[in-house]
Amino acid sequence: MTAPGWSNWKNFPNALRGDSVEAPIGPGVYEVRHAPTGNLVAFGPAGNVAGALAELKVDGGSGGIKGLFRRAMQIPNVQELEYRTLPAASHAEAKTMAGRMKALRQSYWRRRMDAGFTARHS
């Protein structure tokens, strides 16, 4: 069975305004990015995607996202964040999908960095 693809990008909910997450209650992968730049802010597999997104501590830009990294990471204002989700059949499948995506990203950045290094030193 082929799982559906990524959802469309959605504005990250602002808890102070009473916004809520629109994501699967079941397993999957989530990605949070800074909308103006496209920079990745959070990414990972979860047994409950909606719960994982709701647990991200975003306080409007003066603090950071906690619980995802060992130390808080400075992030943009919550109004500049957006997220998307990719459902999975199980938490194990979500972990496998996330691992593959992470490996693809690392490979892409290695090739990009290598190409930049070659261009600078030619």
C-alpha atoms as a PDB file:
ATOM      1  CA  MET A   1       0.000   0.000   0.000  1.00  0.00           C
ATOM      2  CA  THR A   2       1.354   3.404  -0.959  1.00  0.00           C
ATOM      3  CA  ALA A   3       1.001   6.058   1.723  1.00  0.00           C
ATOM      4  CA  PRO A   4      -0.281   9.504   0.767  1.00  0.00           C
ATOM      5  CA  GLY A   5       2.366  12.146   0.125  1.00  0.00           C
ATOM      6  CA  TRP A   6       3.265  15.219   2.118  1.00  0.00           C
ATOM      7  CA  SER A   7       0.447  17.523   3.166  1.00  0.00           C
ATOM      8  CA  ASN A   8       0.416  21.119   1.964  1.00  0.00           C
ATOM      9  CA  TRP A   9       2.374  23.629   4.040  1.00  0.00           C
ATOM     10  CA  LYS A  10       0.237  25.093   6.856  1.00  0.00           C
ATOM     11  CA  ASN A  11       0.864  28.052   9.154  1.00  0.00           C
ATOM     12  CA  PHE A  12       2.268  26.927  12.487  1.00  0.00           C
ATOM     13  CA  PRO A  13      -0.406  27.321  15.177  1.00  0.00           C
ATOM     14  CA  ASN A  14      -0.097  30.146  17.669  1.00  0.00           C
ATOM     15  CA  ALA A  15      -1.221  28.762  21.034  1.00  0.00           C
ATOM     16  CA  LEU A  16      -1.667  32.275  22.421  1.00  0.00           C
ATOM     17  CA  ARG A  17      -4.418  32.846  19.838  1.00  0.00           C
ATOM     18  CA  GLY A  18      -5.949  29.422  20.474  1.00  0.00           C
ATOM     19  CA  ASP A  19      -4.860  27.978  17.114  1.00  0.00           C
ATOM     20  CA  SER A  20      -4.575  24.211  16.847  1.00  0.00           C
ATOM     21  CA  VAL A  21      -2.489  21.751  14.850  1.00  0.00           C
ATOM     22  CA  GLU A  22      -4.073  20.117  11.806  1.00  0.00           C
ATOM     23  CA  ALA A  23      -2.129  16.878  11.544  1.00  0.00           C
ATOM     24  CA  PRO A  24      -2.602  13.104  11.761  1.00  0.00           C
ATOM     25  CA  ILE A  25      -3.185  11.742  15.252  1.00  0.00           C
ATOM     26  CA  GLY A  26      -1.361   8.611  14.114  1.00  0.00           C
ATOM     27  CA  PRO A  27       2.241   7.936  13.089  1.00  0.00           C
ATOM     28  CA  GLY A  28       4.187   9.910  10.509  1.00  0.00           C
ATOM     29  CA  VAL A  29       6.902  12.457   9.837  1.00  0.00           C
ATOM     30  CA  TYR A  30       6.698  16.220  10.387  1.00  0.00           C
ATOM     31  CA  GLU A  31       8.736  19.139   9.121  1.00  0.00           C
ATOM     32  CA  VAL A  32       8.684  22.742  10.380  1.00  0.00           C
ATOM     33  CA  ARG A  33      10.365  25.519   8.398  1.00  0.00           C
ATOM     34  CA  HIS A  34      10.868  29.275   8.455  1.00  0.00           C
ATOM     35  CA  ALA A  35       8.525  30.320   5.629  1.00  0.00           C
ATOM     36  CA  PRO A  36      10.440  33.370   4.281  1.00  0.00           C
ATOM     37  CA  THR A  37      13.790  31.543   4.001  1.00  0.00           C
ATOM     38  CA  GLY A  38      12.791  27.883   3.778  1.00  0.00           C
ATOM     39  CA  ASN A  39      15.276  27.025   6.556  1.00  0.00           C
ATOM     40  CA  LEU A  40      14.451  23.803   8.393  1.00  0.00           C
ATOM     41  CA  VAL A  41      13.536  24.384  12.057  1.00  0.00           C
ATOM     42  CA  ALA A  42      12.292  20.938  13.144  1.00  0.00           C
ATOM     43  CA  PHE A  43      11.998  17.506  11.555  1.00  0.00           C
ATOM     44  CA  GLY A  44      11.309  14.030  12.850  1.00  0.00           C
ATOM     45  CA  PRO A  45       9.222  10.889  13.078  1.00  0.00           C
ATOM     46  CA  ALA A  46       6.437  10.532  15.620  1.00  0.00           C
ATOM     47  CA  GLY A  47       3.934   7.957  16.795  1.00  0.00           C
ATOM     48  CA  ASN A  48       1.411  10.805  17.038  1.00  0.00           C
ATOM     49  CA  VAL A  49       2.276  13.617  14.612  1.00  0.00           C
ATOM     50  CA  ALA A  50      -0.348  16.040  15.944  1.00  0.00           C
ATOM     51  CA  GLY A  51       0.888  15.480  19.485  1.00  0.00           C
ATOM     52  CA  ALA A  52       4.538  15.939  18.526  1.00  0.00           C
ATOM     53  CA  LEU A  53       3.788  19.240  16.767  1.00  0.00           C
ATOM     54  CA  ALA A  54       1.646  20.437  19.662  1.00  0.00           C
ATOM     55  CA  GLU A  55       4.470  19.649  22.110  1.00  0.00           C
ATOM     56  CA  LEU A  56       7.013  21.814  20.295  1.00  0.00           C
ATOM     57  CA  LYS A  57       7.544  24.788  22.583  1.00  0.00           C
ATOM     58  CA  VAL A  58       7.410  27.855  20.372  1.00  0.00           C
ATOM     59  CA  ASP A  59       7.101  31.119  22.266  1.00  0.00           C
ATOM     60  CA  GLY A  60       6.981  33.711  19.521  1.00  0.00           C
ATOM     61  CA  GLY A  61      10.680  34.001  18.789  1.00  0.00           C
ATOM     62  CA  SER A  62      12.105  35.157  22.121  1.00  0.00           C
ATOM     63  CA  GLY A  63      13.080  31.648  23.178  1.00  0.00           C
ATOM     64  CA  GLY A  64      13.310  28.559  21.069  1.00  0.00           C
ATOM     65  CA  ILE A  65      12.125  25.082  20.349  1.00  0.00           C
ATOM     66  CA  LYS A  66      12.879  22.822  23.271  1.00  0.00           C
ATOM     67  CA  GLY A  67      12.685  19.058  23.563  1.00  0.00           C
ATOM     68  CA  LEU A  68      13.835  18.527  19.987  1.00  0.00           C
ATOM     69  CA  PHE A  69      17.443  19.561  20.435  1.00  0.00           C
ATOM     70  CA  ARG A  70      19.750  19.256  23.424  1.00  0.00           C
ATOM     71  CA  ARG A  71      19.674  22.998  23.890  1.00  0.00           C
ATOM     72  CA  ALA A  72      17.133  25.592  22.832  1.00  0.00           C
ATOM     73  CA  MET A  73      17.577  26.798  19.281  1.00  0.00           C
ATOM     74  CA  GLN A  74      16.827  30.432  18.457  1.00  0.00           C
ATOM     75  CA  ILE A  75      14.002  30.502  15.943  1.00  0.00           C
ATOM     76  CA  PRO A  76      11.948  33.114  14.111  1.00  0.00           C
ATOM     77  CA  ASN A  77       8.600  34.368  15.306  1.00  0.00           C
ATOM     78  CA  VAL A  78       5.864  31.703  15.316  1.00  0.00           C
ATOM     79  CA  GLN A  79       3.931  33.653  12.635  1.00  0.00           C
ATOM     80  CA  GLU A  80       6.840  32.980  10.238  1.00  0.00           C
ATOM     81  CA  LEU A  81       6.760  29.199  10.715  1.00  0.00           C
ATOM     82  CA  GLU A  82       4.888  26.607   8.692  1.00  0.00           C
ATOM     83  CA  TYR A  83       4.666  22.835   8.859  1.00  0.00           C
ATOM     84  CA  ARG A  84       3.740  19.817   6.792  1.00  0.00           C
ATOM     85  CA  THR A  85       3.211  16.167   7.608  1.00  0.00           C
ATOM     86  CA  LEU A  86       3.628  12.774   5.971  1.00  0.00           C
ATOM     87  CA  PRO A  87       1.497   9.950   7.414  1.00  0.00           C
ATOM     88  CA  ALA A  88       2.901   6.449   7.955  1.00  0.00           C
ATOM     89  CA  ALA A  89       1.396   3.052   8.727  1.00  0.00           C
ATOM     90  CA  SER A  90       3.379   2.687  11.968  1.00  0.00           C
ATOM     91  CA  HIS A  91       5.880   4.515  14.145  1.00  0.00           C
ATOM     92  CA  ALA A  92       8.577   2.119  12.892  1.00  0.00           C
ATOM     93  CA  GLU A  93       7.743   3.035   9.294  1.00  0.00           C
ATOM     94  CA  ALA A  94       7.850   6.751  10.215  1.00  0.00           C
ATOM     95  CA  LYS A  95      11.342   6.274  11.724  1.00  0.00           C
ATOM     96  CA  THR A  96      12.506   4.479   8.570  1.00  0.00           C
ATOM     97  CA  MET A  97      11.054   7.194   6.300  1.00  0.00           C
ATOM     98  CA  ALA A  98      12.659   9.958   8.386  1.00  0.00           C
ATOM     99  CA  GLY A  99      16.019   8.171   8.350  1.00  0.00           C
ATOM    100  CA  ARG A 100      15.926   7.893   4.569  1.00  0.00           C
ATOM    101  CA  MET A 101      14.975  11.554   4.185  1.00  0.00           C
ATOM    102  CA  LYS A 102      17.777  12.602   6.524  1.00  0.00           C
ATOM    103  CA  ALA A 103      20.297  10.520   4.541  1.00  0.00           C
ATOM    104  CA  LEU A 104      19.091  12.062   1.261  1.00  0.00           C
ATOM    105  CA  ARG A 105      19.436  15.572   2.707  1.00  0.00           C
ATOM    106  CA  GLN A 106      22.934  14.854   3.984  1.00  0.00           C
ATOM    107  CA  SER A 107      23.959  13.453   0.613  1.00  0.00           C
ATOM    108  CA  TYR A 108      22.513  16.496  -1.171  1.00  0.00           C
ATOM    109  CA  TRP A 109      24.378  18.941   1.106  1.00  0.00           C
ATOM    110  CA  ARG A 110      27.641  16.984   0.814  1.00  0.00           C
ATOM    111  CA  ARG A 111      27.424  17.135  -3.003  1.00  0.00           C
ATOM    112  CA  ARG A 112      26.525  20.816  -2.875  1.00  0.00           C
ATOM    113  CA  MET A 113      29.412  21.622  -0.534  1.00  0.00           C
ATOM    114  CA  ASP A 114      31.826  19.557  -2.631  1.00  0.00           C
ATOM    115  CA  ALA A 115      30.711  21.375  -5.793  1.00  0.00           C
ATOM    116  CA  GLY A 116      31.165  24.744  -4.065  1.00  0.00           C
ATOM    117  CA  PHE A 117      34.615  23.782  -2.805  1.00  0.00           C
ATOM    118  CA  THR A 118      35.651  22.635  -6.289  1.00  0.00           C
ATOM    119  CA  ALA A 119      34.361  25.839  -7.885  1.00  0.00           C
ATOM    120  CA  ARG A 120      36.234  28.030  -5.354  1.00  0.00           C
ATOM    121  CA  HIS A 121      39.513  26.180  -5.797  1.00  0.00           C
ATOM    122  CA  SER A 122      39.591  25.782  -9.572  1.00  0.00           C
END
